[in-house]
Amino acid sequence: MKKIFFAFSILFFVANLSAQVEKQANPPSVEASYATGNDALMSYIQTSLKYPKNKKIEGKVYVEFQILTDGSIADVKVLKGIDADFDKSATDVITKMPKWTPAKDAKGNPVVSKMVLPISFKK
């Protein structure tokens, strides 16, 4: 099996930024984060991401997901994909991801938040 090389141009975007902030009445005071840190997140993705067999294309898949108040992942969907097999591989790795530290409101209470993670596939 070929070794997968991927890079994050931008580690992640917070979907609550830009136009999405206007839709949210009370944006979180503290954004959600991967429980064991960004290095662990990159390591998890690198070891878990599967490059689809018999494919010779490269590109980025932008995956949006919710982080619930208990840190679990929900509502995983592709915002911008490159191919059905790559899109599935990207959503699978996000769906199976360990729990995150949830976002918090101004009072320190956990709140649901959205994240967008760009995942790059390179052969």
PDB file of N, CA and C in Angstrom:
ATOM      1  N   MET A   1       0.844  -1.174   0.000  1.00  0.00           N
ATOM      2  CA  MET A   1       0.000   0.000   0.000  1.00  0.00           C
ATOM      3  C   MET A   1       0.891   1.239   0.000  1.00  0.00           C
ATOM      4  N   LYS A   2       0.534   2.174  -0.834  1.00  0.00           N
ATOM      5  CA  LYS A   2       1.341   3.383  -0.936  1.00  0.00           C
ATOM      6  C   LYS A   2       1.156   4.259   0.283  1.00  0.00           C
ATOM      7  N   LYS A   3       2.245   4.878   0.677  1.00  0.00           N
ATOM      8  CA  LYS A   3       2.183   5.789   1.817  1.00  0.00           C
ATOM      9  C   LYS A   3       1.442   7.054   1.418  1.00  0.00           C
ATOM     10  N   ILE A   4       0.609   7.514   2.292  1.00  0.00           N
ATOM     11  CA  ILE A   4      -0.196   8.705   2.011  1.00  0.00           C
ATOM     12  C   ILE A   4       0.555   9.934   2.511  1.00  0.00           C
ATOM     13  N   PHE A   5       0.641  10.902   1.643  1.00  0.00           N
ATOM     14  CA  PHE A   5       1.188  12.188   2.046  1.00  0.00           C
ATOM     15  C   PHE A   5       0.079  13.203   1.927  1.00  0.00           C
ATOM     16  N   PHE A   6      -0.127  13.952   2.936  1.00  0.00           N
ATOM     17  CA  PHE A   6      -1.140  14.986   2.865  1.00  0.00           C
ATOM     18  C   PHE A   6      -0.633  16.210   3.609  1.00  0.00           C
ATOM     19  N   ALA A   7      -1.211  17.300   3.313  1.00  0.00           N
ATOM     20  CA  ALA A   7      -0.830  18.537   3.993  1.00  0.00           C
ATOM     21  C   ALA A   7      -2.070  19.366   4.221  1.00  0.00           C
ATOM     22  N   PHE A   8      -2.050  20.094   5.268  1.00  0.00           N
ATOM     23  CA  PHE A   8      -3.114  21.059   5.505  1.00  0.00           C
ATOM     24  C   PHE A   8      -2.576  22.408   5.074  1.00  0.00           C
ATOM     25  N   SER A   9      -3.177  23.002   4.071  1.00  0.00           N
ATOM     26  CA  SER A   9      -2.796  24.364   3.708  1.00  0.00           C
ATOM     27  C   SER A   9      -3.101  25.271   4.878  1.00  0.00           C
ATOM     28  N   ILE A  10      -4.257  25.019   5.397  1.00  0.00           N
ATOM     29  CA  ILE A  10      -4.700  25.716   6.596  1.00  0.00           C
ATOM     30  C   ILE A  10      -5.185  24.622   7.507  1.00  0.00           C
ATOM     31  N   LEU A  11      -4.701  24.565   8.728  1.00  0.00           N
ATOM     32  CA  LEU A  11      -5.030  23.435   9.597  1.00  0.00           C
ATOM     33  C   LEU A  11      -6.530  23.229   9.704  1.00  0.00           C
ATOM     34  N   PHE A  12      -7.267  24.220  10.004  1.00  0.00           N
ATOM     35  CA  PHE A  12      -8.718  24.112   9.971  1.00  0.00           C
ATOM     36  C   PHE A  12      -9.336  25.495   9.998  1.00  0.00           C
ATOM     37  N   PHE A  13     -10.551  25.556   9.491  1.00  0.00           N
ATOM     38  CA  PHE A  13     -11.330  26.792   9.513  1.00  0.00           C
ATOM     39  C   PHE A  13     -12.442  26.607  10.533  1.00  0.00           C
ATOM     40  N   VAL A  14     -12.756  27.651  11.215  1.00  0.00           N
ATOM     41  CA  VAL A  14     -13.897  27.608  12.114  1.00  0.00           C
ATOM     42  C   VAL A  14     -15.094  28.066  11.307  1.00  0.00           C
ATOM     43  N   ALA A  15     -16.067  27.197  11.166  1.00  0.00           N
ATOM     44  CA  ALA A  15     -17.225  27.517  10.330  1.00  0.00           C
ATOM     45  C   ALA A  15     -18.057  28.647  10.919  1.00  0.00           C
ATOM     46  N   ASN A  16     -17.831  28.965  12.181  1.00  0.00           N
ATOM     47  CA  ASN A  16     -18.578  30.060  12.792  1.00  0.00           C
ATOM     48  C   ASN A  16     -18.073  31.421  12.329  1.00  0.00           C
ATOM     49  N   LEU A  17     -16.960  31.459  11.641  1.00  0.00           N
ATOM     50  CA  LEU A  17     -16.416  32.717  11.160  1.00  0.00           C
ATOM     51  C   LEU A  17     -17.136  33.163   9.899  1.00  0.00           C
ATOM     52  N   SER A  18     -16.827  34.335   9.456  1.00  0.00           N
ATOM     53  CA  SER A  18     -17.387  34.972   8.260  1.00  0.00           C
ATOM     54  C   SER A  18     -18.910  34.965   8.280  1.00  0.00           C
ATOM     55  N   ALA A  19     -19.529  34.524   7.212  1.00  0.00           N
ATOM     56  CA  ALA A  19     -20.986  34.610   7.062  1.00  0.00           C
ATOM     57  C   ALA A  19     -21.727  33.782   8.098  1.00  0.00           C
ATOM     58  N   GLN A  20     -21.138  32.709   8.572  1.00  0.00           N
ATOM     59  CA  GLN A  20     -21.826  31.836   9.510  1.00  0.00           C
ATOM     60  C   GLN A  20     -22.018  32.495  10.871  1.00  0.00           C
ATOM     61  N   VAL A  21     -21.140  33.415  11.253  1.00  0.00           N
ATOM     62  CA  VAL A  21     -21.263  34.075  12.545  1.00  0.00           C
ATOM     63  C   VAL A  21     -22.572  34.852  12.619  1.00  0.00           C
ATOM     64  N   GLU A  22     -22.942  35.483  11.512  1.00  0.00           N
ATOM     65  CA  GLU A  22     -24.170  36.270  11.489  1.00  0.00           C
ATOM     66  C   GLU A  22     -25.399  35.407  11.750  1.00  0.00           C
ATOM     67  N   LYS A  23     -25.357  34.149  11.363  1.00  0.00           N
ATOM     68  CA  LYS A  23     -26.492  33.247  11.531  1.00  0.00           C
ATOM     69  C   LYS A  23     -26.596  32.728  12.960  1.00  0.00           C
ATOM     70  N   GLN A  24     -25.485  32.772  13.695  1.00  0.00           N
ATOM     71  CA  GLN A  24     -25.462  32.216  15.034  1.00  0.00           C
ATOM     72  C   GLN A  24     -25.691  33.337  16.045  1.00  0.00           C
ATOM     73  N   ALA A  25     -26.728  33.209  16.858  1.00  0.00           N
ATOM     74  CA  ALA A  25     -27.091  34.252  17.810  1.00  0.00           C
ATOM     75  C   ALA A  25     -26.008  34.474  18.865  1.00  0.00           C
ATOM     76  N   ASN A  26     -25.451  33.402  19.387  1.00  0.00           N
ATOM     77  CA  ASN A  26     -24.438  33.498  20.438  1.00  0.00           C
ATOM     78  C   ASN A  26     -23.221  32.652  20.074  1.00  0.00           C
ATOM     79  N   PRO A  27     -22.268  33.229  19.332  1.00  0.00           N
ATOM     80  CA  PRO A  27     -21.095  32.435  18.974  1.00  0.00           C
ATOM     81  C   PRO A  27     -20.321  32.038  20.236  1.00  0.00           C
ATOM     82  N   PRO A  28     -19.642  30.895  20.193  1.00  0.00           N
ATOM     83  CA  PRO A  28     -18.929  30.435  21.390  1.00  0.00           C
ATOM     84  C   PRO A  28     -17.793  31.384  21.777  1.00  0.00           C
ATOM     85  N   SER A  29     -17.544  31.468  23.072  1.00  0.00           N
ATOM     86  CA  SER A  29     -16.429  32.271  23.580  1.00  0.00           C
ATOM     87  C   SER A  29     -15.116  31.523  23.406  1.00  0.00           C
ATOM     88  N   VAL A  30     -15.181  30.196  23.532  1.00  0.00           N
ATOM     89  CA  VAL A  30     -14.010  29.343  23.365  1.00  0.00           C
ATOM     90  C   VAL A  30     -14.341  28.325  22.285  1.00  0.00           C
ATOM     91  N   GLU A  31     -13.535  28.285  21.238  1.00  0.00           N
ATOM     92  CA  GLU A  31     -13.775  27.350  20.132  1.00  0.00           C
ATOM     93  C   GLU A  31     -13.441  25.918  20.541  1.00  0.00           C
ATOM     94  N   ALA A  32     -14.066  24.982  19.877  1.00  0.00           N
ATOM     95  CA  ALA A  32     -13.775  23.565  20.099  1.00  0.00           C
ATOM     96  C   ALA A  32     -12.349  23.268  19.659  1.00  0.00           C
ATOM     97  N   SER A  33     -11.760  22.245  20.272  1.00  0.00           N
ATOM     98  CA  SER A  33     -10.398  21.853  19.899  1.00  0.00           C
ATOM     99  C   SER A  33     -10.255  20.342  20.013  1.00  0.00           C
ATOM    100  N   TYR A  34      -9.341  19.800  19.233  1.00  0.00           N
ATOM    101  CA  TYR A  34      -9.065  18.371  19.312  1.00  0.00           C
ATOM    102  C   TYR A  34      -8.492  18.105  20.697  1.00  0.00           C
ATOM    103  N   ALA A  35      -9.038  17.141  21.401  1.00  0.00           N
ATOM    104  CA  ALA A  35      -8.742  16.933  22.821  1.00  0.00           C
ATOM    105  C   ALA A  35      -7.250  16.826  23.143  1.00  0.00           C
ATOM    106  N   THR A  36      -6.483  16.201  22.260  1.00  0.00           N
ATOM    107  CA  THR A  36      -5.054  16.006  22.554  1.00  0.00           C
ATOM    108  C   THR A  36      -4.150  16.926  21.755  1.00  0.00           C
ATOM    109  N   GLY A  37      -4.714  17.939  21.101  1.00  0.00           N
ATOM    110  CA  GLY A  37      -3.908  18.947  20.421  1.00  0.00           C
ATOM    111  C   GLY A  37      -3.828  18.767  18.914  1.00  0.00           C
ATOM    112  N   ASN A  38      -3.359  19.820  18.250  1.00  0.00           N
ATOM    113  CA  ASN A  38      -3.289  19.838  16.786  1.00  0.00           C
ATOM    114  C   ASN A  38      -2.298  18.823  16.222  1.00  0.00           C
ATOM    115  N   ASP A  39      -1.173  18.608  16.912  1.00  0.00           N
ATOM    116  CA  ASP A  39      -0.216  17.607  16.428  1.00  0.00           C
ATOM    117  C   ASP A  39      -0.837  16.221  16.438  1.00  0.00           C
ATOM    118  N   ALA A  40      -1.592  15.931  17.488  1.00  0.00           N
ATOM    119  CA  ALA A  40      -2.269  14.632  17.579  1.00  0.00           C
ATOM    120  C   ALA A  40      -3.348  14.511  16.505  1.00  0.00           C
ATOM    121  N   LEU A  41      -4.034  15.616  16.208  1.00  0.00           N
ATOM    122  CA  LEU A  41      -5.041  15.603  15.145  1.00  0.00           C
ATOM    123  C   LEU A  41      -4.398  15.268  13.805  1.00  0.00           C
ATOM    124  N   MET A  42      -3.297  15.932  13.489  1.00  0.00           N
ATOM    125  CA  MET A  42      -2.601  15.646  12.230  1.00  0.00           C
ATOM    126  C   MET A  42      -2.105  14.206  12.190  1.00  0.00           C
ATOM    127  N   SER A  43      -1.592  13.713  13.307  1.00  0.00           N
ATOM    128  CA  SER A  43      -1.127  12.328  13.371  1.00  0.00           C
ATOM    129  C   SER A  43      -2.283  11.352  13.169  1.00  0.00           C
ATOM    130  N   TYR A  44      -3.416  11.625  13.807  1.00  0.00           N
ATOM    131  CA  TYR A  44      -4.590  10.762  13.642  1.00  0.00           C
ATOM    132  C   TYR A  44      -5.014  10.701  12.178  1.00  0.00           C
ATOM    133  N   ILE A  45      -5.099  11.854  11.549  1.00  0.00           N
ATOM    134  CA  ILE A  45      -5.531  11.883  10.149  1.00  0.00           C
ATOM    135  C   ILE A  45      -4.512  11.177   9.263  1.00  0.00           C
ATOM    136  N   GLN A  46      -3.239  11.430   9.497  1.00  0.00           N
ATOM    137  CA  GLN A  46      -2.200  10.810   8.679  1.00  0.00           C
ATOM    138  C   GLN A  46      -2.228   9.289   8.771  1.00  0.00           C
ATOM    139  N   THR A  47      -2.480   8.760   9.958  1.00  0.00           N
ATOM    140  CA  THR A  47      -2.484   7.304  10.104  1.00  0.00           C
ATOM    141  C   THR A  47      -3.822   6.674   9.713  1.00  0.00           C
ATOM    142  N   SER A  48      -4.892   7.449   9.766  1.00  0.00           N
ATOM    143  CA  SER A  48      -6.225   6.896   9.498  1.00  0.00           C
ATOM    144  C   SER A  48      -6.721   7.105   8.075  1.00  0.00           C
ATOM    145  N   LEU A  49      -6.233   8.125   7.401  1.00  0.00           N
ATOM    146  CA  LEU A  49      -6.719   8.459   6.069  1.00  0.00           C
ATOM    147  C   LEU A  49      -6.264   7.425   5.045  1.00  0.00           C
ATOM    148  N   LYS A  50      -7.190   6.968   4.259  1.00  0.00           N
ATOM    149  CA  LYS A  50      -6.887   5.971   3.221  1.00  0.00           C
ATOM    150  C   LYS A  50      -6.978   6.622   1.844  1.00  0.00           C
ATOM    151  N   TYR A  51      -5.887   6.552   1.087  1.00  0.00           N
ATOM    152  CA  TYR A  51      -5.895   7.043  -0.293  1.00  0.00           C
ATOM    153  C   TYR A  51      -6.621   5.997  -1.133  1.00  0.00           C
ATOM    154  N   PRO A  52      -7.679   6.386  -1.826  1.00  0.00           N
ATOM    155  CA  PRO A  52      -8.460   5.404  -2.601  1.00  0.00           C
ATOM    156  C   PRO A  52      -7.606   4.638  -3.618  1.00  0.00           C
ATOM    157  N   LYS A  53      -7.846   3.338  -3.694  1.00  0.00           N
ATOM    158  CA  LYS A  53      -7.101   2.482  -4.629  1.00  0.00           C
ATOM    159  C   LYS A  53      -7.443   2.836  -6.068  1.00  0.00           C
ATOM    160  N   ASN A  54      -6.474   2.639  -6.940  1.00  0.00           N
ATOM    161  CA  ASN A  54      -6.632   2.839  -8.378  1.00  0.00           C
ATOM    162  C   ASN A  54      -7.014   4.270  -8.759  1.00  0.00           C
ATOM    163  N   LYS A  55      -6.657   5.215  -7.943  1.00  0.00           N
ATOM    164  CA  LYS A  55      -6.927   6.628  -8.229  1.00  0.00           C
ATOM    165  C   LYS A  55      -5.597   7.339  -8.383  1.00  0.00           C
ATOM    166  N   LYS A  56      -5.554   8.265  -9.315  1.00  0.00           N
ATOM    167  CA  LYS A  56      -4.301   8.975  -9.569  1.00  0.00           C
ATOM    168  C   LYS A  56      -4.489  10.484  -9.546  1.00  0.00           C
ATOM    169  N   ILE A  57      -5.476  10.945  -8.803  1.00  0.00           N
ATOM    170  CA  ILE A  57      -5.698  12.379  -8.734  1.00  0.00           C
ATOM    171  C   ILE A  57      -5.290  12.904  -7.357  1.00  0.00           C
ATOM    172  N   GLU A  58      -5.126  14.191  -7.285  1.00  0.00           N
ATOM    173  CA  GLU A  58      -4.806  14.854  -6.033  1.00  0.00           C
ATOM    174  C   GLU A  58      -5.786  16.004  -5.844  1.00  0.00           C
ATOM    175  N   GLY A  59      -5.936  16.445  -4.628  1.00  0.00           N
ATOM    176  CA  GLY A  59      -6.796  17.588  -4.366  1.00  0.00           C
ATOM    177  C   GLY A  59      -7.206  17.660  -2.914  1.00  0.00           C
ATOM    178  N   LYS A  60      -8.076  18.631  -2.620  1.00  0.00           N
ATOM    179  CA  LYS A  60      -8.553  18.849  -1.255  1.00  0.00           C
ATOM    180  C   LYS A  60     -10.034  18.536  -1.148  1.00  0.00           C
ATOM    181  N   VAL A  61     -10.382  17.952  -0.032  1.00  0.00           N
ATOM    182  CA  VAL A  61     -11.782  17.722   0.313  1.00  0.00           C
ATOM    183  C   VAL A  61     -12.047  18.559   1.568  1.00  0.00           C
ATOM    184  N   TYR A  62     -13.056  19.422   1.479  1.00  0.00           N
ATOM    185  CA  TYR A  62     -13.434  20.254   2.622  1.00  0.00           C
ATOM    186  C   TYR A  62     -14.604  19.583   3.327  1.00  0.00           C
ATOM    187  N   VAL A  63     -14.384  19.191   4.578  1.00  0.00           N
ATOM    188  CA  VAL A  63     -15.387  18.460   5.343  1.00  0.00           C
ATOM    189  C   VAL A  63     -15.884  19.329   6.497  1.00  0.00           C
ATOM    190  N   GLU A  64     -17.202  19.489   6.566  1.00  0.00           N
ATOM    191  CA  GLU A  64     -17.820  20.220   7.666  1.00  0.00           C
ATOM    192  C   GLU A  64     -18.404  19.209   8.634  1.00  0.00           C
ATOM    193  N   PHE A  65     -18.309  19.509   9.916  1.00  0.00           N
ATOM    194  CA  PHE A  65     -18.888  18.632  10.924  1.00  0.00           C
ATOM    195  C   PHE A  65     -19.233  19.440  12.171  1.00  0.00           C
ATOM    196  N   GLN A  66     -20.135  18.873  12.966  1.00  0.00           N
ATOM    197  CA  GLN A  66     -20.490  19.489  14.232  1.00  0.00           C
ATOM    198  C   GLN A  66     -19.746  18.792  15.357  1.00  0.00           C
ATOM    199  N   ILE A  67     -19.392  19.581  16.363  1.00  0.00           N
ATOM    200  CA  ILE A  67     -18.845  19.037  17.598  1.00  0.00           C
ATOM    201  C   ILE A  67     -19.922  19.288  18.649  1.00  0.00           C
ATOM    202  N   LEU A  68     -20.479  18.205  19.149  1.00  0.00           N
ATOM    203  CA  LEU A  68     -21.575  18.300  20.108  1.00  0.00           C
ATOM    204  C   LEU A  68     -21.063  18.657  21.508  1.00  0.00           C
ATOM    205  N   THR A  69     -21.971  18.913  22.410  1.00  0.00           N
ATOM    206  CA  THR A  69     -21.580  19.346  23.759  1.00  0.00           C
ATOM    207  C   THR A  69     -20.795  18.297  24.531  1.00  0.00           C
ATOM    208  N   ASP A  70     -20.891  17.024  24.136  1.00  0.00           N
ATOM    209  CA  ASP A  70     -20.093  15.979  24.782  1.00  0.00           C
ATOM    210  C   ASP A  70     -18.780  15.714  24.032  1.00  0.00           C
ATOM    211  N   GLY A  71     -18.513  16.499  22.977  1.00  0.00           N
ATOM    212  CA  GLY A  71     -17.271  16.350  22.206  1.00  0.00           C
ATOM    213  C   GLY A  71     -17.365  15.380  21.049  1.00  0.00           C
ATOM    214  N   SER A  72     -18.492  14.711  20.901  1.00  0.00           N
ATOM    215  CA  SER A  72     -18.635  13.754  19.804  1.00  0.00           C
ATOM    216  C   SER A  72     -18.891  14.485  18.482  1.00  0.00           C
ATOM    217  N   ILE A  73     -18.666  13.777  17.394  1.00  0.00           N
ATOM    218  CA  ILE A  73     -18.790  14.322  16.041  1.00  0.00           C
ATOM    219  C   ILE A  73     -20.145  13.935  15.453  1.00  0.00           C
ATOM    220  N   ALA A  74     -20.779  14.893  14.752  1.00  0.00           N
ATOM    221  CA  ALA A  74     -22.077  14.634  14.123  1.00  0.00           C
ATOM    222  C   ALA A  74     -22.183  15.447  12.835  1.00  0.00           C
ATOM    223  N   ASP A  75     -23.173  15.104  12.029  1.00  0.00           N
ATOM    224  CA  ASP A  75     -23.504  15.845  10.807  1.00  0.00           C
ATOM    225  C   ASP A  75     -22.285  16.103   9.911  1.00  0.00           C
ATOM    226  N   VAL A  76     -21.556  15.053   9.618  1.00  0.00           N
ATOM    227  CA  VAL A  76     -20.373  15.155   8.759  1.00  0.00           C
ATOM    228  C   VAL A  76     -20.821  15.247   7.312  1.00  0.00           C
ATOM    229  N   LYS A  77     -20.331  16.266   6.595  1.00  0.00           N
ATOM    230  CA  LYS A  77     -20.682  16.385   5.177  1.00  0.00           C
ATOM    231  C   LYS A  77     -19.561  17.083   4.412  1.00  0.00           C
ATOM    232  N   VAL A  78     -19.494  16.758   3.136  1.00  0.00           N
ATOM    233  CA  VAL A  78     -18.501  17.355   2.258  1.00  0.00           C
ATOM    234  C   VAL A  78     -19.054  18.682   1.731  1.00  0.00           C
ATOM    235  N   LEU A  79     -18.285  19.741   1.923  1.00  0.00           N
ATOM    236  CA  LEU A  79     -18.665  21.044   1.368  1.00  0.00           C
ATOM    237  C   LEU A  79     -18.145  21.190  -0.050  1.00  0.00           C
ATOM    238  N   LYS A  80     -16.927  20.702  -0.266  1.00  0.00           N
ATOM    239  CA  LYS A  80     -16.317  20.748  -1.594  1.00  0.00           C
ATOM    240  C   LYS A  80     -15.443  19.511  -1.732  1.00  0.00           C
ATOM    241  N   GLY A  81     -15.803  18.659  -2.674  1.00  0.00           N
ATOM    242  CA  GLY A  81     -15.075  17.416  -2.854  1.00  0.00           C
ATOM    243  C   GLY A  81     -14.306  17.369  -4.160  1.00  0.00           C
ATOM    244  N   ILE A  82     -13.615  16.240  -4.367  1.00  0.00           N
ATOM    245  CA  ILE A  82     -12.843  16.068  -5.605  1.00  0.00           C
ATOM    246  C   ILE A  82     -13.266  14.818  -6.372  1.00  0.00           C
ATOM    247  N   ASP A  83     -13.835  13.845  -5.661  1.00  0.00           N
ATOM    248  CA  ASP A  83     -14.213  12.571  -6.267  1.00  0.00           C
ATOM    249  C   ASP A  83     -14.960  11.793  -5.181  1.00  0.00           C
ATOM    250  N   ALA A  84     -15.935  11.009  -5.548  1.00  0.00           N
ATOM    251  CA  ALA A  84     -16.756  10.294  -4.565  1.00  0.00           C
ATOM    252  C   ALA A  84     -15.914   9.426  -3.620  1.00  0.00           C
ATOM    253  N   ASP A  85     -14.896   8.740  -4.145  1.00  0.00           N
ATOM    254  CA  ASP A  85     -14.058   7.873  -3.302  1.00  0.00           C
ATOM    255  C   ASP A  85     -13.221   8.687  -2.314  1.00  0.00           C
ATOM    256  N   PHE A  86     -12.672   9.795  -2.773  1.00  0.00           N
ATOM    257  CA  PHE A  86     -11.879  10.654  -1.893  1.00  0.00           C
ATOM    258  C   PHE A  86     -12.781  11.304  -0.842  1.00  0.00           C
ATOM    259  N   ASP A  87     -13.950  11.736  -1.281  1.00  0.00           N
ATOM    260  CA  ASP A  87     -14.903  12.352  -0.356  1.00  0.00           C
ATOM    261  C   ASP A  87     -15.281  11.371   0.754  1.00  0.00           C
ATOM    262  N   LYS A  88     -15.539  10.122   0.384  1.00  0.00           N
ATOM    263  CA  LYS A  88     -15.892   9.100   1.374  1.00  0.00           C
ATOM    264  C   LYS A  88     -14.741   8.838   2.329  1.00  0.00           C
ATOM    265  N   SER A  89     -13.527   8.768   1.807  1.00  0.00           N
ATOM    266  CA  SER A  89     -12.363   8.547   2.656  1.00  0.00           C
ATOM    267  C   SER A  89     -12.207   9.674   3.679  1.00  0.00           C
ATOM    268  N   ALA A  90     -12.413  10.906   3.228  1.00  0.00           N
ATOM    269  CA  ALA A  90     -12.292  12.059   4.124  1.00  0.00           C
ATOM    270  C   ALA A  90     -13.393  12.060   5.182  1.00  0.00           C
ATOM    271  N   THR A  91     -14.636  11.777   4.778  1.00  0.00           N
ATOM    272  CA  THR A  91     -15.725  11.771   5.760  1.00  0.00           C
ATOM    273  C   THR A  91     -15.596  10.595   6.729  1.00  0.00           C
ATOM    274  N   ASP A  92     -15.092   9.471   6.259  1.00  0.00           N
ATOM    275  CA  ASP A  92     -14.887   8.321   7.146  1.00  0.00           C
ATOM    276  C   ASP A  92     -13.902   8.645   8.264  1.00  0.00           C
ATOM    277  N   VAL A  93     -12.804   9.304   7.914  1.00  0.00           N
ATOM    278  CA  VAL A  93     -11.789   9.619   8.932  1.00  0.00           C
ATOM    279  C   VAL A  93     -12.328  10.620   9.950  1.00  0.00           C
ATOM    280  N   ILE A  94     -13.164  11.545   9.511  1.00  0.00           N
ATOM    281  CA  ILE A  94     -13.759  12.515  10.437  1.00  0.00           C
ATOM    282  C   ILE A  94     -14.811  11.837  11.312  1.00  0.00           C
ATOM    283  N   THR A  95     -15.648  11.006  10.716  1.00  0.00           N
ATOM    284  CA  THR A  95     -16.709  10.316  11.456  1.00  0.00           C
ATOM    285  C   THR A  95     -16.148   9.445  12.574  1.00  0.00           C
ATOM    286  N   LYS A  96     -15.004   8.830  12.345  1.00  0.00           N
ATOM    287  CA  LYS A  96     -14.410   7.910  13.321  1.00  0.00           C
ATOM    288  C   LYS A  96     -13.460   8.611  14.300  1.00  0.00           C
ATOM    289  N   MET A  97     -13.344   9.915  14.181  1.00  0.00           N
ATOM    290  CA  MET A  97     -12.420  10.672  15.008  1.00  0.00           C
ATOM    291  C   MET A  97     -12.797  10.595  16.492  1.00  0.00           C
ATOM    292  N   PRO A  98     -11.796  10.548  17.372  1.00  0.00           N
ATOM    293  CA  PRO A  98     -12.093  10.588  18.814  1.00  0.00           C
ATOM    294  C   PRO A  98     -12.765  11.900  19.204  1.00  0.00           C
ATOM    295  N   LYS A  99     -13.304  11.941  20.390  1.00  0.00           N
ATOM    296  CA  LYS A  99     -14.008  13.131  20.873  1.00  0.00           C
ATOM    297  C   LYS A  99     -13.091  14.342  20.963  1.00  0.00           C
ATOM    298  N   TRP A 100     -13.701  15.494  20.753  1.00  0.00           N
ATOM    299  CA  TRP A 100     -13.030  16.786  20.867  1.00  0.00           C
ATOM    300  C   TRP A 100     -13.392  17.406  22.212  1.00  0.00           C
ATOM    301  N   THR A 101     -12.695  18.485  22.554  1.00  0.00           N
ATOM    302  CA  THR A 101     -13.098  19.327  23.668  1.00  0.00           C
ATOM    303  C   THR A 101     -14.103  20.304  23.074  1.00  0.00           C
ATOM    304  N   PRO A 102     -15.344  20.317  23.562  1.00  0.00           N
ATOM    305  CA  PRO A 102     -16.373  21.143  22.927  1.00  0.00           C
ATOM    306  C   PRO A 102     -16.131  22.644  23.112  1.00  0.00           C
ATOM    307  N   ALA A 103     -16.762  23.423  22.240  1.00  0.00           N
ATOM    308  CA  ALA A 103     -16.743  24.878  22.376  1.00  0.00           C
ATOM    309  C   ALA A 103     -17.510  25.249  23.643  1.00  0.00           C
ATOM    310  N   LYS A 104     -17.241  26.458  24.150  1.00  0.00           N
ATOM    311  CA  LYS A 104     -17.928  26.907  25.363  1.00  0.00           C
ATOM    312  C   LYS A 104     -18.450  28.313  25.183  1.00  0.00           C
ATOM    313  N   ASP A 105     -19.586  28.566  25.827  1.00  0.00           N
ATOM    314  CA  ASP A 105     -20.154  29.912  25.792  1.00  0.00           C
ATOM    315  C   ASP A 105     -19.474  30.785  26.844  1.00  0.00           C
ATOM    316  N   ALA A 106     -19.926  32.016  26.980  1.00  0.00           N
ATOM    317  CA  ALA A 106     -19.315  32.965  27.902  1.00  0.00           C
ATOM    318  C   ALA A 106     -19.383  32.507  29.362  1.00  0.00           C
ATOM    319  N   LYS A 107     -20.351  31.653  29.684  1.00  0.00           N
ATOM    320  CA  LYS A 107     -20.489  31.155  31.056  1.00  0.00           C
ATOM    321  C   LYS A 107     -19.690  29.873  31.297  1.00  0.00           C
ATOM    322  N   GLY A 108     -19.003  29.387  30.243  1.00  0.00           N
ATOM    323  CA  GLY A 108     -18.215  28.165  30.374  1.00  0.00           C
ATOM    324  C   GLY A 108     -18.986  26.892  30.124  1.00  0.00           C
ATOM    325  N   ASN A 109     -20.217  27.024  29.642  1.00  0.00           N
ATOM    326  CA  ASN A 109     -21.032  25.849  29.340  1.00  0.00           C
ATOM    327  C   ASN A 109     -20.716  25.327  27.942  1.00  0.00           C
ATOM    328  N   PRO A 110     -20.633  24.014  27.768  1.00  0.00           N
ATOM    329  CA  PRO A 110     -20.378  23.454  26.438  1.00  0.00           C
ATOM    330  C   PRO A 110     -21.513  23.792  25.482  1.00  0.00           C
ATOM    331  N   VAL A 111     -21.145  24.115  24.237  1.00  0.00           N
ATOM    332  CA  VAL A 111     -22.127  24.410  23.192  1.00  0.00           C
ATOM    333  C   VAL A 111     -21.752  23.671  21.918  1.00  0.00           C
ATOM    334  N   VAL A 112     -22.742  23.427  21.076  1.00  0.00           N
ATOM    335  CA  VAL A 112     -22.513  22.793  19.780  1.00  0.00           C
ATOM    336  C   VAL A 112     -21.820  23.803  18.865  1.00  0.00           C
ATOM    337  N   SER A 113     -20.852  23.330  18.093  1.00  0.00           N
ATOM    338  CA  SER A 113     -20.171  24.206  17.136  1.00  0.00           C
ATOM    339  C   SER A 113     -19.903  23.447  15.843  1.00  0.00           C
ATOM    340  N   LYS A 114     -19.597  24.192  14.797  1.00  0.00           N
ATOM    341  CA  LYS A 114     -19.252  23.595  13.504  1.00  0.00           C
ATOM    342  C   LYS A 114     -17.802  23.892  13.185  1.00  0.00           C
ATOM    343  N   MET A 115     -17.182  22.941  12.495  1.00  0.00           N
ATOM    344  CA  MET A 115     -15.812  23.100  12.027  1.00  0.00           C
ATOM    345  C   MET A 115     -15.768  22.687  10.568  1.00  0.00           C
ATOM    346  N   VAL A 116     -14.811  23.245   9.846  1.00  0.00           N
ATOM    347  CA  VAL A 116     -14.526  22.821   8.481  1.00  0.00           C
ATOM    348  C   VAL A 116     -13.058  22.450   8.448  1.00  0.00           C
ATOM    349  N   LEU A 117     -12.794  21.240   7.997  1.00  0.00           N
ATOM    350  CA  LEU A 117     -11.432  20.733   7.941  1.00  0.00           C
ATOM    351  C   LEU A 117     -11.081  20.426   6.489  1.00  0.00           C
ATOM    352  N   PRO A 118     -10.069  21.116   5.925  1.00  0.00           N
ATOM    353  CA  PRO A 118      -9.634  20.776   4.570  1.00  0.00           C
ATOM    354  C   PRO A 118      -8.613  19.627   4.634  1.00  0.00           C
ATOM    355  N   ILE A 119      -8.868  18.582   3.900  1.00  0.00           N
ATOM    356  CA  ILE A 119      -7.964  17.434   3.870  1.00  0.00           C
ATOM    357  C   ILE A 119      -7.412  17.300   2.459  1.00  0.00           C
ATOM    358  N   SER A 120      -6.074  17.361   2.367  1.00  0.00           N
ATOM    359  CA  SER A 120      -5.415  17.267   1.062  1.00  0.00           C
ATOM    360  C   SER A 120      -4.929  15.863   0.796  1.00  0.00           C
ATOM    361  N   PHE A 121      -5.183  15.386  -0.405  1.00  0.00           N
ATOM    362  CA  PHE A 121      -4.699  14.076  -0.852  1.00  0.00           C
ATOM    363  C   PHE A 121      -3.599  14.311  -1.873  1.00  0.00           C
ATOM    364  N   LYS A 122      -2.434  13.740  -1.617  1.00  0.00           N
ATOM    365  CA  LYS A 122      -1.313  13.808  -2.563  1.00  0.00           C
ATOM    366  C   LYS A 122      -0.684  12.425  -2.635  1.00  0.00           C
ATOM    367  N   LYS A 123      -0.363  12.032  -3.843  1.00  0.00           N
ATOM    368  CA  LYS A 123       0.287  10.728  -4.035  1.00  0.00           C
ATOM    369  C   LYS A 123       1.760  10.866  -3.906  1.00  0.00           C
TER     370      LYS A 123
END
